Amino acid sequence: MKERLYDLNSRDNCVTANIELADKTFKISRVVTGARVLYSNLLVERGQLLQKLAGIDAADPEQLPALEAMQSQVAQFAERKERILDDILELLLKANQIEFDKQWWQDSTDEMDVNSFIEACLSKDADVKKK
C-alpha cells in the first residue's frame, strides 16, 4: 500500500495575499476557521438588528418604547462588534505569525479599513482555480 504525505502546514499550499493598509503590508496565507465563524456570526447579528430596525416606524409615537429598546440593543451591538473585530484581527494575524498591535489598528485605521482588511483576508482564496 502506498502512502501519501500531505504537508498542510506548508505555505506552498496557500494563496498568499499582500494586503496594504496604512503604512504596512500584511502577508496573509492562512485564514483560520475561527475568524470565518466570528465574522459570519457578526454579519448575521447585524442583519437581524437591521431587520428589527426596519420594522419600527420612528414617526409613530406608539412605537417610541420599541425604538428606545432598539437604541439600547444597537449600543450593545456596537460594543460587541468592536471586541469581535479585534478578536478576528488577532486570529488572522496570529495565524500568519504577525503580532496584533491593537494600538496601531486604533491609531491607523477606521472601521471601514478593518472590515475591508478582514474581507480581503476571507476572500483571498475565492479566485483560485482548481487544477
N, C-alpha and C. Protein backbone atom coordinates (compact mmCIF):
# COMPACT_ATOMS: atom_id res chain seq x y z
N MET A 1 0.84 -1.17 0.00
CA MET A 1 0.00 0.00 0.00
C MET A 1 0.89 1.24 0.00
N LYS A 2 0.58 2.16 -0.90
CA LYS A 2 1.35 3.40 -0.98
C LYS A 2 0.79 4.42 -0.01
N GLU A 3 1.67 5.20 0.54
CA GLU A 3 1.27 6.28 1.43
C GLU A 3 1.57 7.61 0.77
N ARG A 4 0.73 8.55 1.04
CA ARG A 4 0.96 9.91 0.56
C ARG A 4 1.09 10.83 1.76
N LEU A 5 2.00 11.74 1.65
CA LEU A 5 2.19 12.73 2.70
C LEU A 5 1.65 14.07 2.19
N TYR A 6 0.74 14.61 2.92
CA TYR A 6 0.21 15.93 2.62
C TYR A 6 0.68 16.88 3.70
N ASP A 7 1.55 17.79 3.33
CA ASP A 7 2.04 18.77 4.28
C ASP A 7 1.15 20.01 4.23
N LEU A 8 0.15 20.00 5.08
CA LEU A 8 -0.79 21.12 5.08
C LEU A 8 -0.26 22.32 5.87
N ASN A 9 0.88 22.15 6.51
CA ASN A 9 1.49 23.26 7.23
C ASN A 9 2.31 24.15 6.31
N SER A 10 2.62 23.67 5.15
CA SER A 10 3.44 24.42 4.22
C SER A 10 2.64 25.58 3.62
N ARG A 11 3.26 26.71 3.52
CA ARG A 11 2.61 27.86 2.90
C ARG A 11 2.50 27.69 1.39
N ASP A 12 3.18 26.65 0.84
CA ASP A 12 3.08 26.38 -0.59
C ASP A 12 1.66 25.97 -0.97
N ASN A 13 0.90 25.50 0.00
CA ASN A 13 -0.47 25.06 -0.25
C ASN A 13 -1.47 26.20 -0.15
N CYS A 14 -1.00 27.40 0.12
CA CYS A 14 -1.90 28.53 0.35
C CYS A 14 -1.64 29.64 -0.65
N VAL A 15 -2.68 30.36 -0.96
CA VAL A 15 -2.53 31.60 -1.71
C VAL A 15 -2.14 32.67 -0.69
N THR A 16 -1.11 33.42 -1.01
CA THR A 16 -0.69 34.49 -0.10
C THR A 16 -1.16 35.81 -0.67
N ALA A 17 -1.87 36.56 0.15
CA ALA A 17 -2.32 37.89 -0.25
C ALA A 17 -1.43 38.92 0.44
N ASN A 18 -0.97 39.88 -0.32
CA ASN A 18 -0.24 41.02 0.24
C ASN A 18 -1.25 42.16 0.34
N ILE A 19 -1.63 42.45 1.57
CA ILE A 19 -2.67 43.45 1.80
C ILE A 19 -2.02 44.71 2.37
N GLU A 20 -2.11 45.80 1.63
CA GLU A 20 -1.54 47.07 2.07
C GLU A 20 -2.59 47.86 2.81
N LEU A 21 -2.20 48.35 3.97
CA LEU A 21 -3.11 49.14 4.79
C LEU A 21 -2.29 50.14 5.57
N ALA A 22 -2.64 51.40 5.42
CA ALA A 22 -1.91 52.49 6.06
C ALA A 22 -0.44 52.38 5.66
N ASP A 23 0.44 52.21 6.63
CA ASP A 23 1.87 52.18 6.33
C ASP A 23 2.46 50.76 6.38
N LYS A 24 1.60 49.75 6.31
CA LYS A 24 2.07 48.36 6.42
C LYS A 24 1.56 47.50 5.28
N THR A 25 2.29 46.43 5.03
CA THR A 25 1.86 45.39 4.11
C THR A 25 1.78 44.10 4.90
N PHE A 26 0.64 43.46 4.87
CA PHE A 26 0.42 42.21 5.60
C PHE A 26 0.42 41.06 4.61
N LYS A 27 1.26 40.05 4.88
CA LYS A 27 1.28 38.84 4.06
C LYS A 27 0.37 37.82 4.74
N ILE A 28 -0.77 37.57 4.13
CA ILE A 28 -1.76 36.67 4.71
C ILE A 28 -1.84 35.40 3.86
N SER A 29 -1.48 34.28 4.46
CA SER A 29 -1.58 32.98 3.80
C SER A 29 -2.67 32.13 4.43
N ARG A 30 -2.75 32.18 5.72
CA ARG A 30 -3.69 31.33 6.47
C ARG A 30 -4.89 32.14 6.94
N VAL A 31 -6.06 31.56 6.76
CA VAL A 31 -7.29 32.13 7.30
C VAL A 31 -7.93 31.03 8.13
N VAL A 32 -7.89 31.20 9.43
CA VAL A 32 -8.38 30.15 10.32
C VAL A 32 -9.91 30.17 10.39
N THR A 33 -10.47 29.01 10.63
CA THR A 33 -11.91 28.84 10.67
C THR A 33 -12.56 29.74 11.72
N GLY A 34 -11.91 29.91 12.86
CA GLY A 34 -12.47 30.74 13.92
C GLY A 34 -12.75 32.16 13.44
N ALA A 35 -11.88 32.71 12.60
CA ALA A 35 -12.08 34.06 12.07
C ALA A 35 -13.30 34.09 11.15
N ARG A 36 -13.45 33.05 10.33
CA ARG A 36 -14.61 32.99 9.43
C ARG A 36 -15.91 32.88 10.22
N VAL A 37 -15.91 32.06 11.26
CA VAL A 37 -17.11 31.87 12.07
C VAL A 37 -17.48 33.16 12.79
N LEU A 38 -16.51 33.82 13.40
CA LEU A 38 -16.80 35.07 14.11
C LEU A 38 -17.36 36.13 13.16
N TYR A 39 -16.77 36.25 11.98
CA TYR A 39 -17.22 37.27 11.04
C TYR A 39 -18.62 36.94 10.51
N SER A 40 -18.84 35.68 10.21
CA SER A 40 -20.16 35.24 9.75
C SER A 40 -21.23 35.52 10.80
N ASN A 41 -20.95 35.17 12.05
CA ASN A 41 -21.90 35.43 13.14
C ASN A 41 -22.16 36.92 13.32
N LEU A 42 -21.12 37.72 13.15
CA LEU A 42 -21.27 39.18 13.26
C LEU A 42 -22.20 39.71 12.17
N LEU A 43 -22.03 39.21 10.95
CA LEU A 43 -22.89 39.65 9.84
C LEU A 43 -24.34 39.23 10.07
N VAL A 44 -24.53 38.03 10.60
CA VAL A 44 -25.90 37.56 10.88
C VAL A 44 -26.55 38.44 11.93
N GLU A 45 -25.81 38.73 13.01
CA GLU A 45 -26.37 39.56 14.07
C GLU A 45 -26.69 40.96 13.56
N ARG A 46 -25.80 41.51 12.75
CA ARG A 46 -26.04 42.85 12.18
C ARG A 46 -27.30 42.83 11.31
N GLY A 47 -27.46 41.79 10.51
CA GLY A 47 -28.65 41.68 9.66
C GLY A 47 -29.93 41.58 10.46
N GLN A 48 -29.88 40.81 11.54
CA GLN A 48 -31.07 40.68 12.40
C GLN A 48 -31.43 42.02 13.04
N LEU A 49 -30.42 42.74 13.46
CA LEU A 49 -30.65 44.05 14.08
C LEU A 49 -31.25 45.03 13.07
N LEU A 50 -30.71 45.02 11.86
CA LEU A 50 -31.24 45.91 10.82
C LEU A 50 -32.68 45.56 10.46
N GLN A 51 -32.98 44.27 10.47
CA GLN A 51 -34.34 43.83 10.18
C GLN A 51 -35.31 44.35 11.25
N LYS A 52 -34.89 44.25 12.50
CA LYS A 52 -35.74 44.75 13.59
C LYS A 52 -35.95 46.26 13.46
N LEU A 53 -34.86 46.98 13.14
CA LEU A 53 -34.96 48.44 12.99
C LEU A 53 -35.89 48.82 11.85
N ALA A 54 -35.85 48.06 10.78
CA ALA A 54 -36.69 48.36 9.62
C ALA A 54 -38.17 48.22 9.96
N GLY A 55 -38.48 47.41 10.96
CA GLY A 55 -39.88 47.20 11.34
C GLY A 55 -40.43 48.25 12.29
N ILE A 56 -39.62 49.23 12.65
CA ILE A 56 -40.07 50.26 13.59
C ILE A 56 -40.28 51.57 12.83
N ASP A 57 -41.44 52.14 13.02
CA ASP A 57 -41.76 53.43 12.42
C ASP A 57 -41.44 54.52 13.45
N ALA A 58 -40.32 55.20 13.25
CA ALA A 58 -39.87 56.21 14.22
C ALA A 58 -40.84 57.37 14.33
N ALA A 59 -41.68 57.59 13.32
CA ALA A 59 -42.63 58.69 13.36
C ALA A 59 -43.89 58.35 14.17
N ASP A 60 -44.05 57.08 14.50
CA ASP A 60 -45.23 56.63 15.25
C ASP A 60 -44.94 56.71 16.75
N PRO A 61 -45.64 57.60 17.47
CA PRO A 61 -45.38 57.76 18.91
C PRO A 61 -45.61 56.48 19.71
N GLU A 62 -46.49 55.62 19.23
CA GLU A 62 -46.75 54.36 19.95
C GLU A 62 -45.56 53.41 19.88
N GLN A 63 -44.68 53.62 18.91
CA GLN A 63 -43.52 52.74 18.78
C GLN A 63 -42.27 53.30 19.46
N LEU A 64 -42.45 54.40 20.19
CA LEU A 64 -41.32 55.01 20.91
C LEU A 64 -40.64 54.04 21.87
N PRO A 65 -41.38 53.26 22.68
CA PRO A 65 -40.70 52.30 23.56
C PRO A 65 -39.88 51.26 22.79
N ALA A 66 -40.40 50.80 21.66
CA ALA A 66 -39.66 49.84 20.83
C ALA A 66 -38.40 50.48 20.26
N LEU A 67 -38.51 51.74 19.85
CA LEU A 67 -37.36 52.47 19.32
C LEU A 67 -36.29 52.65 20.38
N GLU A 68 -36.71 53.01 21.60
CA GLU A 68 -35.75 53.17 22.70
C GLU A 68 -35.06 51.85 23.03
N ALA A 69 -35.81 50.77 23.01
CA ALA A 69 -35.22 49.45 23.27
C ALA A 69 -34.21 49.10 22.18
N MET A 70 -34.53 49.45 20.93
CA MET A 70 -33.61 49.17 19.83
C MET A 70 -32.34 50.01 19.94
N GLN A 71 -32.47 51.23 20.41
CA GLN A 71 -31.28 52.07 20.59
C GLN A 71 -30.32 51.43 21.58
N SER A 72 -30.86 50.84 22.62
CA SER A 72 -30.04 50.13 23.60
C SER A 72 -29.37 48.91 22.96
N GLN A 73 -30.13 48.17 22.17
CA GLN A 73 -29.58 46.99 21.50
C GLN A 73 -28.49 47.38 20.51
N VAL A 74 -28.68 48.49 19.82
CA VAL A 74 -27.68 48.97 18.86
C VAL A 74 -26.39 49.34 19.59
N ALA A 75 -26.51 50.01 20.73
CA ALA A 75 -25.33 50.39 21.51
C ALA A 75 -24.59 49.15 22.01
N GLN A 76 -25.33 48.15 22.48
CA GLN A 76 -24.70 46.91 22.94
C GLN A 76 -24.01 46.19 21.78
N PHE A 77 -24.66 46.18 20.62
CA PHE A 77 -24.07 45.54 19.44
C PHE A 77 -22.77 46.25 19.05
N ALA A 78 -22.77 47.57 19.11
CA ALA A 78 -21.56 48.33 18.74
C ALA A 78 -20.38 47.96 19.63
N GLU A 79 -20.64 47.79 20.92
CA GLU A 79 -19.57 47.38 21.85
C GLU A 79 -19.08 45.97 21.54
N ARG A 80 -20.01 45.05 21.31
CA ARG A 80 -19.64 43.66 20.97
C ARG A 80 -18.88 43.61 19.65
N LYS A 81 -19.34 44.40 18.69
CA LYS A 81 -18.72 44.40 17.36
C LYS A 81 -17.25 44.80 17.45
N GLU A 82 -16.96 45.81 18.24
CA GLU A 82 -15.57 46.25 18.39
C GLU A 82 -14.69 45.13 18.94
N ARG A 83 -15.19 44.43 19.96
CA ARG A 83 -14.42 43.32 20.54
C ARG A 83 -14.27 42.17 19.54
N ILE A 84 -15.33 41.88 18.82
CA ILE A 84 -15.30 40.78 17.86
C ILE A 84 -14.33 41.08 16.72
N LEU A 85 -14.35 42.30 16.21
CA LEU A 85 -13.42 42.67 15.14
C LEU A 85 -11.97 42.55 15.62
N ASP A 86 -11.71 42.97 16.85
CA ASP A 86 -10.36 42.79 17.42
C ASP A 86 -10.00 41.31 17.50
N ASP A 87 -10.95 40.48 17.93
CA ASP A 87 -10.70 39.04 18.02
C ASP A 87 -10.40 38.44 16.65
N ILE A 88 -11.14 38.88 15.64
CA ILE A 88 -10.91 38.38 14.28
C ILE A 88 -9.53 38.80 13.78
N LEU A 89 -9.20 40.07 13.97
CA LEU A 89 -7.87 40.55 13.56
C LEU A 89 -6.76 39.74 14.24
N GLU A 90 -6.93 39.55 15.54
CA GLU A 90 -5.91 38.81 16.29
C GLU A 90 -5.77 37.38 15.76
N LEU A 91 -6.88 36.71 15.48
CA LEU A 91 -6.83 35.35 14.93
C LEU A 91 -6.13 35.32 13.57
N LEU A 92 -6.50 36.24 12.69
CA LEU A 92 -5.91 36.27 11.36
C LEU A 92 -4.41 36.55 11.41
N LEU A 93 -4.03 37.53 12.21
CA LEU A 93 -2.62 37.91 12.28
C LEU A 93 -1.80 36.83 12.95
N LYS A 94 -2.29 36.28 14.05
CA LYS A 94 -1.56 35.23 14.77
C LYS A 94 -1.35 34.01 13.86
N ALA A 95 -2.34 33.65 13.08
CA ALA A 95 -2.23 32.50 12.18
C ALA A 95 -1.16 32.72 11.12
N ASN A 96 -0.79 33.98 10.89
CA ASN A 96 0.22 34.32 9.89
C ASN A 96 1.50 34.85 10.51
N GLN A 97 1.70 34.53 11.78
CA GLN A 97 2.88 34.93 12.55
C GLN A 97 3.12 36.44 12.53
N ILE A 98 2.04 37.20 12.66
CA ILE A 98 2.12 38.66 12.72
C ILE A 98 1.55 39.08 14.07
N GLU A 99 2.28 39.95 14.74
CA GLU A 99 1.82 40.43 16.05
C GLU A 99 0.62 41.36 15.87
N PHE A 100 -0.39 41.17 16.71
CA PHE A 100 -1.55 42.07 16.70
C PHE A 100 -1.24 43.25 17.61
N ASP A 101 -1.06 44.40 17.00
CA ASP A 101 -0.78 45.63 17.74
C ASP A 101 -2.06 46.46 17.76
N LYS A 102 -2.85 46.27 18.81
CA LYS A 102 -4.15 46.92 18.91
C LYS A 102 -4.02 48.44 18.80
N GLN A 103 -2.98 48.99 19.40
CA GLN A 103 -2.81 50.45 19.35
C GLN A 103 -2.60 50.93 17.92
N TRP A 104 -1.82 50.18 17.13
CA TRP A 104 -1.61 50.56 15.73
C TRP A 104 -2.94 50.57 14.98
N TRP A 105 -3.74 49.53 15.19
CA TRP A 105 -5.03 49.44 14.50
C TRP A 105 -5.93 50.61 14.90
N GLN A 106 -5.92 50.98 16.17
CA GLN A 106 -6.75 52.10 16.62
C GLN A 106 -6.26 53.43 16.06
N ASP A 107 -4.94 53.59 15.99
CA ASP A 107 -4.36 54.86 15.53
C ASP A 107 -4.31 54.99 14.02
N SER A 108 -4.28 53.88 13.28
CA SER A 108 -4.00 53.92 11.85
C SER A 108 -5.17 53.55 10.95
N THR A 109 -6.25 53.07 11.53
CA THR A 109 -7.36 52.59 10.70
C THR A 109 -8.70 53.08 11.23
N ASP A 110 -9.70 52.97 10.37
CA ASP A 110 -11.07 53.20 10.81
C ASP A 110 -11.86 51.90 10.60
N GLU A 111 -13.13 51.93 10.93
CA GLU A 111 -13.93 50.71 10.86
C GLU A 111 -14.00 50.16 9.44
N MET A 112 -14.08 51.04 8.45
CA MET A 112 -14.13 50.59 7.06
C MET A 112 -12.83 49.88 6.68
N ASP A 113 -11.69 50.41 7.12
CA ASP A 113 -10.40 49.76 6.86
C ASP A 113 -10.38 48.36 7.45
N VAL A 114 -10.83 48.25 8.70
CA VAL A 114 -10.80 46.95 9.39
C VAL A 114 -11.70 45.95 8.67
N ASN A 115 -12.91 46.38 8.32
CA ASN A 115 -13.82 45.49 7.59
C ASN A 115 -13.25 45.09 6.24
N SER A 116 -12.67 46.04 5.52
CA SER A 116 -12.07 45.74 4.22
C SER A 116 -10.90 44.77 4.35
N PHE A 117 -10.09 44.96 5.38
CA PHE A 117 -8.95 44.06 5.62
C PHE A 117 -9.45 42.64 5.89
N ILE A 118 -10.42 42.52 6.77
CA ILE A 118 -10.96 41.20 7.12
C ILE A 118 -11.57 40.54 5.89
N GLU A 119 -12.35 41.29 5.13
CA GLU A 119 -12.98 40.74 3.93
C GLU A 119 -11.94 40.34 2.89
N ALA A 120 -10.86 41.11 2.77
CA ALA A 120 -9.79 40.73 1.84
C ALA A 120 -9.14 39.42 2.27
N CYS A 121 -8.93 39.28 3.56
CA CYS A 121 -8.34 38.04 4.08
C CYS A 121 -9.28 36.85 3.81
N LEU A 122 -10.55 37.03 4.12
CA LEU A 122 -11.51 35.93 4.00
C LEU A 122 -11.76 35.55 2.54
N SER A 123 -11.58 36.47 1.62
CA SER A 123 -11.88 36.18 0.22
C SER A 123 -10.63 35.93 -0.62
N LYS A 124 -9.46 35.88 0.00
CA LYS A 124 -8.22 35.77 -0.77
C LYS A 124 -8.14 34.50 -1.61
N ASP A 125 -8.82 33.45 -1.22
CA ASP A 125 -8.77 32.18 -1.96
C ASP A 125 -9.93 32.04 -2.95
N ALA A 126 -10.81 33.01 -3.00
CA ALA A 126 -12.04 32.87 -3.80
C ALA A 126 -11.76 32.76 -5.30
N ASP A 127 -10.72 33.41 -5.78
CA ASP A 127 -10.45 33.40 -7.23
C ASP A 127 -9.50 32.30 -7.67
N VAL A 128 -9.09 31.46 -6.74
CA VAL A 128 -8.13 30.40 -7.07
C VAL A 128 -8.85 29.33 -7.89
N LYS A 129 -8.30 28.99 -9.03
CA LYS A 129 -8.88 27.95 -9.87
C LYS A 129 -8.22 26.61 -9.51
N LYS A 130 -9.05 25.60 -9.35
CA LYS A 130 -8.53 24.26 -9.06
C LYS A 130 -8.03 23.64 -10.34
N LYS A 131 -6.90 22.98 -10.26
CA LYS A 131 -6.32 22.34 -11.43
C LYS A 131 -6.77 20.91 -11.55
